[in-house]
Amino acid sequence: MDILTKKQERFYEKVRSHFTKYGVAPTVQELQKSLRLSSPHAVTQYLGALEKKGLLVRSRGEVRGIRLLGVTGAEAEVRVPVM
């Protein structure tokens, strides 16, 4: 696994803490707001970087389609179908 930048570490910790606190993956909008990022595109760039580094997997087309890799327990994966 590649080393994370400080910003990537902060982003990853925000995703991980959201899983821990709420039991579901954060949405792009939730991440954008909580990290005070200027656009949803910035969030997807961070998600893409973390995915390339093997820390998470995204299910495109799902609102909360983020699964953390190498994490066990309730925070590892929660998928909620959107109706």
C-alpha atoms as a PDB file:
ATOM      1  CA  MET A   1       0.000   0.000   0.000  1.00  0.00           C
ATOM      2  CA  ASP A   2       1.253   3.462  -0.864  1.00  0.00           C
ATOM      3  CA  ILE A   3       1.772   6.075   1.787  1.00  0.00           C
ATOM      4  CA  LEU A   4      -1.091   8.534   2.199  1.00  0.00           C
ATOM      5  CA  THR A   5      -0.717  12.280   2.060  1.00  0.00           C
ATOM      6  CA  LYS A   6      -1.893  14.254   5.106  1.00  0.00           C
ATOM      7  CA  LYS A   7      -5.075  15.261   3.273  1.00  0.00           C
ATOM      8  CA  GLN A   8      -5.758  11.674   2.216  1.00  0.00           C
ATOM      9  CA  GLU A   9      -5.256  10.529   5.818  1.00  0.00           C
ATOM     10  CA  ARG A  10      -7.747  13.149   7.025  1.00  0.00           C
ATOM     11  CA  PHE A  11     -10.230  12.105   4.347  1.00  0.00           C
ATOM     12  CA  TYR A  12      -9.853   8.388   5.154  1.00  0.00           C
ATOM     13  CA  GLU A  13     -10.316   9.025   8.870  1.00  0.00           C
ATOM     14  CA  LYS A  14     -13.491  10.994   8.146  1.00  0.00           C
ATOM     15  CA  VAL A  15     -14.897   8.046   6.151  1.00  0.00           C
ATOM     16  CA  ARG A  16     -13.871   5.575   8.846  1.00  0.00           C
ATOM     17  CA  SER A  17     -15.305   7.641  11.681  1.00  0.00           C
ATOM     18  CA  HIS A  18     -18.600   8.033   9.794  1.00  0.00           C
ATOM     19  CA  PHE A  19     -18.873   4.229   9.560  1.00  0.00           C
ATOM     20  CA  THR A  20     -18.168   3.964  13.286  1.00  0.00           C
ATOM     21  CA  LYS A  21     -20.574   6.693  14.334  1.00  0.00           C
ATOM     22  CA  TYR A  22     -23.539   6.002  12.027  1.00  0.00           C
ATOM     23  CA  GLY A  23     -23.038   2.408  10.838  1.00  0.00           C
ATOM     24  CA  VAL A  24     -23.346   3.423   7.186  1.00  0.00           C
ATOM     25  CA  ALA A  25     -21.021   4.821   4.544  1.00  0.00           C
ATOM     26  CA  PRO A  26     -21.044   8.583   4.091  1.00  0.00           C
ATOM     27  CA  THR A  27     -22.452  10.107   0.914  1.00  0.00           C
ATOM     28  CA  VAL A  28     -20.391  12.316  -1.359  1.00  0.00           C
ATOM     29  CA  GLN A  29     -22.397  15.316  -0.153  1.00  0.00           C
ATOM     30  CA  GLU A  30     -21.815  14.447   3.507  1.00  0.00           C
ATOM     31  CA  LEU A  31     -18.071  14.158   2.920  1.00  0.00           C
ATOM     32  CA  GLN A  32     -18.001  17.395   0.949  1.00  0.00           C
ATOM     33  CA  LYS A  33     -19.773  19.260   3.728  1.00  0.00           C
ATOM     34  CA  SER A  34     -17.871  17.759   6.673  1.00  0.00           C
ATOM     35  CA  LEU A  35     -14.467  18.301   5.031  1.00  0.00           C
ATOM     36  CA  ARG A  36     -15.419  21.695   3.616  1.00  0.00           C
ATOM     37  CA  LEU A  37     -14.437  20.733   0.085  1.00  0.00           C
ATOM     38  CA  SER A  38     -15.403  23.028  -2.754  1.00  0.00           C
ATOM     39  CA  SER A  39     -17.039  20.443  -5.011  1.00  0.00           C
ATOM     40  CA  PRO A  40     -18.296  16.860  -5.202  1.00  0.00           C
ATOM     41  CA  HIS A  41     -15.552  16.252  -7.778  1.00  0.00           C
ATOM     42  CA  ALA A  42     -12.923  16.803  -5.058  1.00  0.00           C
ATOM     43  CA  VAL A  43     -14.574  14.065  -2.989  1.00  0.00           C
ATOM     44  CA  THR A  44     -14.563  11.622  -5.905  1.00  0.00           C
ATOM     45  CA  GLN A  45     -10.882  12.370  -6.525  1.00  0.00           C
ATOM     46  CA  TYR A  46     -10.055  11.470  -2.913  1.00  0.00           C
ATOM     47  CA  LEU A  47     -12.200   8.336  -3.117  1.00  0.00           C
ATOM     48  CA  GLY A  48     -10.423   7.348  -6.335  1.00  0.00           C
ATOM     49  CA  ALA A  49      -6.993   7.867  -4.770  1.00  0.00           C
ATOM     50  CA  LEU A  50      -7.892   5.778  -1.721  1.00  0.00           C
ATOM     51  CA  GLU A  51      -9.362   3.095  -3.948  1.00  0.00           C
ATOM     52  CA  LYS A  52      -6.136   2.933  -6.007  1.00  0.00           C
ATOM     53  CA  LYS A  53      -4.157   2.609  -2.781  1.00  0.00           C
ATOM     54  CA  GLY A  54      -6.308  -0.351  -1.728  1.00  0.00           C
ATOM     55  CA  LEU A  55      -8.062   1.187   1.267  1.00  0.00           C
ATOM     56  CA  LEU A  56     -11.612   1.103  -0.008  1.00  0.00           C
ATOM     57  CA  VAL A  57     -13.841  -0.121  -2.806  1.00  0.00           C
ATOM     58  CA  ARG A  58     -16.676   1.871  -4.308  1.00  0.00           C
ATOM     59  CA  SER A  59     -19.848   0.516  -5.837  1.00  0.00           C
ATOM     60  CA  ARG A  60     -20.714   3.058  -8.460  1.00  0.00           C
ATOM     61  CA  GLY A  61     -24.360   3.909  -8.735  1.00  0.00           C
ATOM     62  CA  GLU A  62     -24.999   3.353  -5.022  1.00  0.00           C
ATOM     63  CA  VAL A  63     -25.459   6.367  -2.775  1.00  0.00           C
ATOM     64  CA  ARG A  64     -23.588   4.791   0.144  1.00  0.00           C
ATOM     65  CA  GLY A  65     -21.507   2.366  -1.897  1.00  0.00           C
ATOM     66  CA  ILE A  66     -18.196   2.612  -0.038  1.00  0.00           C
ATOM     67  CA  ARG A  67     -16.631  -0.456   1.549  1.00  0.00           C
ATOM     68  CA  LEU A  68     -13.471  -0.136   3.638  1.00  0.00           C
ATOM     69  CA  LEU A  69     -10.872  -2.838   3.081  1.00  0.00           C
ATOM     70  CA  GLY A  70      -8.854  -4.295   5.926  1.00  0.00           C
ATOM     71  CA  VAL A  71     -11.397  -3.176   8.502  1.00  0.00           C
ATOM     72  CA  THR A  72     -13.442  -5.663  10.462  1.00  0.00           C
ATOM     73  CA  GLY A  73     -16.684  -5.384  12.343  1.00  0.00           C
ATOM     74  CA  ALA A  74     -19.666  -3.107  11.879  1.00  0.00           C
ATOM     75  CA  GLU A  75     -17.633  -0.344  10.287  1.00  0.00           C
ATOM     76  CA  ALA A  76     -16.358  -2.534   7.441  1.00  0.00           C
ATOM     77  CA  GLU A  77     -19.373  -2.587   5.184  1.00  0.00           C
ATOM     78  CA  VAL A  78     -22.934  -1.504   5.356  1.00  0.00           C
ATOM     79  CA  ARG A  79     -25.039  -1.391   2.210  1.00  0.00           C
ATOM     80  CA  VAL A  80     -28.451   0.144   2.174  1.00  0.00           C
ATOM     81  CA  PRO A  81     -30.513  -0.174  -0.993  1.00  0.00           C
ATOM     82  CA  VAL A  82     -32.007   3.071  -2.235  1.00  0.00           C
ATOM     83  CA  MET A  83     -35.642   2.939  -3.234  1.00  0.00           C
END
